[in-house]
Amino acid sequence: MISNKMNFVIASNNIKKAKELENILYHLGYQSIIYSELMPYIQFPNEQNNSLEQNACMKAEFISHYLNNELVIADDTGLYLDAFPQEYGVSTKRQLMKECKNGNFNQYLLNKVKEKDRKMTLRSVVALAQNGVIIAKGAGKMRGKIALEELGNMSTGFDKIVIPDGSTKTLAQIDWNTRFLYLHRAIALQNLLKKRNFS
């Protein structure tokens, strides 16, 4: 292990996602490291459109095969728009990459929900694997709405356009300690840790 303290390895090639997972775990009192700091960068198998859980488990299991005895965490997240219930979800990133060629997903989504129902849900599933076996899973979600424009500079990505229920500000306008309380990944990780009595 990385130290005598409980540690986790994050299985992700998305640096922003990995950093958020790292920050959440640190906030909860745990240390973590991105898998590519322990072994060479590797391409993950293609994600499927079946479920967030399946994709999270696949990534955690995949990396855990290479890192004996390490506790490997992976997640998958989807955006669910009330106005478009048949779109996005588990295939959010893949669908947006097809529809929005310039990569400005936030502006694309702002235009998509213009004059429509702006309510949405962000869902995450996290999986924990060791030696190629899933040993725990956790799920979390955050309800809210899409803002009228990008706002805030304390975070990036969808955080600039998502206003969580109970707030009048986007996630990117909210300081970390407060934002943590809303985060779907934080809720999912806490649920996973409770199942393994890590917390």
Protein backbone atom coordinates (compact mmCIF):
# COMPACT_ATOMS: atom_id res chain seq x y z
CA MET A 1 0.00 0.00 0.00
CA ILE A 2 0.99 3.64 -0.39
CA SER A 3 1.28 4.21 3.38
CA ASN A 4 0.10 2.75 6.67
CA LYS A 5 -3.11 4.74 6.42
CA MET A 6 -6.15 3.56 4.43
CA ASN A 7 -5.49 4.54 0.83
CA PHE A 8 -7.26 4.23 -2.47
CA VAL A 9 -6.18 4.17 -6.10
CA ILE A 10 -8.36 6.10 -8.54
CA ALA A 11 -9.03 4.36 -11.85
CA SER A 12 -9.65 7.17 -14.31
CA ASN A 13 -8.01 8.80 -17.32
CA ASN A 14 -10.15 11.92 -16.81
CA ILE A 15 -7.84 14.19 -14.83
CA LYS A 16 -10.61 16.57 -13.68
CA LYS A 17 -12.80 13.70 -12.47
CA ALA A 18 -9.86 12.01 -10.77
CA LYS A 19 -8.93 15.24 -9.00
CA GLU A 20 -12.48 15.68 -7.70
CA LEU A 21 -12.52 12.11 -6.40
CA GLU A 22 -9.14 12.74 -4.77
CA ASN A 23 -10.45 15.93 -3.13
CA ILE A 24 -13.60 14.19 -1.88
CA LEU A 25 -11.62 11.33 -0.36
CA TYR A 26 -9.23 13.79 1.28
CA HIS A 27 -12.19 15.71 2.69
CA LEU A 28 -13.44 12.42 4.16
CA GLY A 29 -10.04 11.72 5.73
CA TYR A 30 -8.51 9.33 3.18
CA GLN A 31 -5.48 9.45 0.94
CA SER A 32 -5.66 8.52 -2.73
CA ILE A 33 -3.52 8.44 -5.84
CA ILE A 34 -4.30 8.22 -9.55
CA TYR A 35 -3.45 4.80 -10.95
CA SER A 36 -1.11 6.29 -13.59
CA GLU A 37 1.27 7.35 -10.82
CA LEU A 38 1.78 3.68 -9.97
CA MET A 39 1.84 2.13 -13.44
CA PRO A 40 1.95 3.25 -17.09
CA TYR A 41 -1.09 4.95 -18.59
CA ILE A 42 -3.44 2.40 -20.13
CA GLN A 43 -6.54 2.65 -22.29
CA PHE A 44 -9.68 1.35 -20.59
CA PRO A 45 -12.07 -0.99 -22.40
CA ASN A 46 -14.94 0.82 -24.09
CA GLU A 47 -17.75 1.81 -21.75
CA GLN A 48 -21.20 0.34 -22.36
CA ASN A 49 -24.61 1.98 -22.46
CA ASN A 50 -26.23 -0.50 -20.06
CA SER A 51 -25.68 1.14 -16.69
CA LEU A 52 -23.48 3.47 -14.66
CA GLU A 53 -22.83 0.59 -12.26
CA GLN A 54 -21.54 -1.68 -15.00
CA ASN A 55 -19.11 0.95 -16.26
CA ALA A 56 -17.81 1.84 -12.79
CA CYS A 57 -17.27 -1.83 -11.97
CA MET A 58 -15.52 -2.47 -15.27
CA LYS A 59 -13.00 0.33 -14.68
CA ALA A 60 -12.29 -0.59 -11.06
CA GLU A 61 -11.86 -4.29 -11.87
CA PHE A 62 -9.68 -3.54 -14.90
CA ILE A 63 -7.09 -1.49 -13.01
CA SER A 64 -7.19 -3.71 -9.92
CA HIS A 65 -5.91 -6.62 -12.03
CA TYR A 66 -2.67 -4.67 -12.54
CA LEU A 67 -2.19 -3.47 -8.95
CA ASN A 68 -2.16 -6.38 -6.54
CA ASN A 69 -3.88 -5.82 -3.20
CA GLU A 70 -4.60 -2.14 -3.87
CA LEU A 71 -8.08 -0.75 -3.21
CA VAL A 72 -9.14 0.66 -6.57
CA ILE A 73 -12.04 3.09 -6.93
CA ALA A 74 -13.77 4.07 -10.16
CA ASP A 75 -16.95 5.94 -10.98
CA ASP A 76 -19.36 6.58 -13.78
CA THR A 77 -21.65 9.59 -13.91
CA GLY A 78 -24.61 10.58 -16.03
CA LEU A 79 -26.67 13.71 -16.62
CA TYR A 80 -30.44 13.19 -16.75
CA LEU A 81 -32.51 16.06 -18.17
CA ASP A 82 -36.21 16.10 -17.30
CA ALA A 83 -37.00 17.69 -20.66
CA PHE A 84 -35.20 14.89 -22.55
CA PRO A 85 -35.77 11.70 -20.56
CA GLN A 86 -34.64 9.41 -23.40
CA GLU A 87 -31.29 11.14 -23.89
CA TYR A 88 -27.92 11.29 -22.12
CA GLY A 89 -27.87 9.40 -18.81
CA VAL A 90 -25.30 6.59 -18.94
CA SER A 91 -24.17 7.73 -22.41
CA THR A 92 -23.90 11.45 -21.55
CA LYS A 93 -20.31 12.03 -22.63
CA ARG A 94 -20.52 9.87 -25.74
CA GLN A 95 -23.75 11.51 -26.88
CA LEU A 96 -22.49 15.04 -26.24
CA MET A 97 -19.28 14.34 -28.17
CA LYS A 98 -21.38 13.30 -31.17
CA GLU A 99 -23.78 16.24 -30.97
CA CYS A 100 -21.38 19.03 -30.00
CA LYS A 101 -18.32 18.93 -32.22
CA ASN A 102 -16.69 22.06 -30.78
CA GLY A 103 -16.56 20.58 -27.28
CA ASN A 104 -18.44 23.46 -25.61
CA PHE A 105 -20.88 21.13 -23.87
CA ASN A 106 -22.12 23.72 -21.40
CA GLN A 107 -23.24 26.19 -24.04
CA TYR A 108 -24.77 23.36 -26.06
CA LEU A 109 -26.84 22.24 -23.06
CA LEU A 110 -27.85 25.82 -22.23
CA ASN A 111 -29.23 26.16 -25.75
CA LYS A 112 -30.85 22.72 -25.65
CA VAL A 113 -32.98 23.45 -22.57
CA LYS A 114 -33.79 27.04 -23.54
CA GLU A 115 -37.53 27.64 -22.98
CA LYS A 116 -37.88 24.03 -21.73
CA ASP A 117 -37.98 22.31 -18.36
CA ARG A 118 -34.55 22.99 -16.83
CA LYS A 119 -34.72 20.41 -14.06
CA MET A 120 -32.04 17.73 -14.06
CA THR A 121 -30.34 15.02 -12.03
CA LEU A 122 -26.68 14.09 -11.85
CA ARG A 123 -26.19 10.46 -10.85
CA SER A 124 -22.96 8.68 -9.91
CA VAL A 125 -22.06 5.12 -9.10
CA VAL A 126 -18.67 4.30 -7.56
CA ALA A 127 -17.17 0.83 -7.36
CA LEU A 128 -14.34 -0.51 -5.22
CA ALA A 129 -12.26 -3.45 -6.43
CA GLN A 130 -9.35 -5.44 -5.09
CA ASN A 131 -7.44 -8.07 -7.06
CA GLY A 132 -10.02 -8.04 -9.82
CA VAL A 133 -13.05 -8.47 -7.55
CA ILE A 134 -15.70 -5.84 -6.76
CA ILE A 135 -16.00 -5.56 -2.97
CA ALA A 136 -18.32 -2.55 -2.61
CA LYS A 137 -20.49 -0.13 -4.60
CA GLY A 138 -22.18 3.13 -3.76
CA ALA A 139 -24.63 5.42 -5.54
CA GLY A 140 -25.42 9.11 -5.21
CA LYS A 141 -27.50 11.73 -6.97
CA MET A 142 -28.02 15.46 -7.00
CA ARG A 143 -31.22 17.13 -8.15
CA GLY A 144 -31.18 20.66 -9.48
CA LYS A 145 -31.67 22.72 -12.60
CA ILE A 146 -29.68 24.09 -15.50
CA ALA A 147 -28.82 27.77 -15.06
CA LEU A 148 -29.58 30.44 -17.66
CA GLU A 149 -25.87 31.00 -18.30
CA GLU A 150 -22.44 29.85 -17.17
CA LEU A 151 -21.63 31.28 -13.74
CA GLY A 152 -18.79 30.91 -11.27
CA ASN A 153 -15.06 30.21 -11.37
CA MET A 154 -14.55 27.97 -8.32
CA SER A 155 -15.01 24.83 -10.40
CA THR A 156 -15.27 23.71 -14.02
CA GLY A 157 -17.39 21.62 -16.37
CA PHE A 158 -21.08 21.16 -15.62
CA ASP A 159 -20.51 22.86 -12.24
CA LYS A 160 -20.75 26.20 -14.10
CA ILE A 161 -24.32 25.53 -15.26
CA VAL A 162 -25.82 23.35 -12.51
CA ILE A 163 -27.77 24.91 -9.63
CA PRO A 164 -28.43 22.25 -6.98
CA ASP A 165 -31.73 22.09 -5.16
CA GLY A 166 -31.53 24.23 -2.02
CA SER A 167 -29.20 26.79 -3.61
CA THR A 168 -29.58 29.83 -5.83
CA LYS A 169 -26.00 29.56 -7.11
CA THR A 170 -24.25 27.22 -9.51
CA LEU A 171 -21.83 24.71 -8.06
CA ALA A 172 -18.97 26.78 -9.50
CA GLN A 173 -20.11 29.78 -7.44
CA ILE A 174 -20.02 27.81 -4.18
CA ASP A 175 -16.96 27.30 -2.00
CA TRP A 176 -15.60 23.76 -1.70
CA ASN A 177 -16.84 22.99 1.83
CA THR A 178 -20.41 23.92 0.86
CA ARG A 179 -20.21 22.37 -2.61
CA PHE A 180 -19.11 19.09 -1.07
CA LEU A 181 -22.52 18.74 0.61
CA TYR A 182 -24.26 18.66 -2.79
CA LEU A 183 -21.88 16.55 -4.86
CA HIS A 184 -23.30 13.35 -6.28
CA ARG A 185 -19.84 11.73 -6.27
CA ALA A 186 -19.36 12.66 -2.61
CA ILE A 187 -22.69 11.06 -1.69
CA ALA A 188 -21.82 7.94 -3.70
CA LEU A 189 -18.39 7.64 -2.07
CA GLN A 190 -19.80 8.08 1.41
CA ASN A 191 -22.36 5.36 0.74
CA LEU A 192 -19.61 3.03 -0.50
CA LEU A 193 -17.35 3.72 2.49
CA LYS A 194 -20.17 3.05 4.95
CA LYS A 195 -20.77 -0.37 3.40
CA ARG A 196 -17.16 -1.37 4.05
CA ASN A 197 -17.02 0.29 7.48
CA PHE A 198 -14.27 2.62 6.29
CA SER A 199 -16.10 5.63 7.73
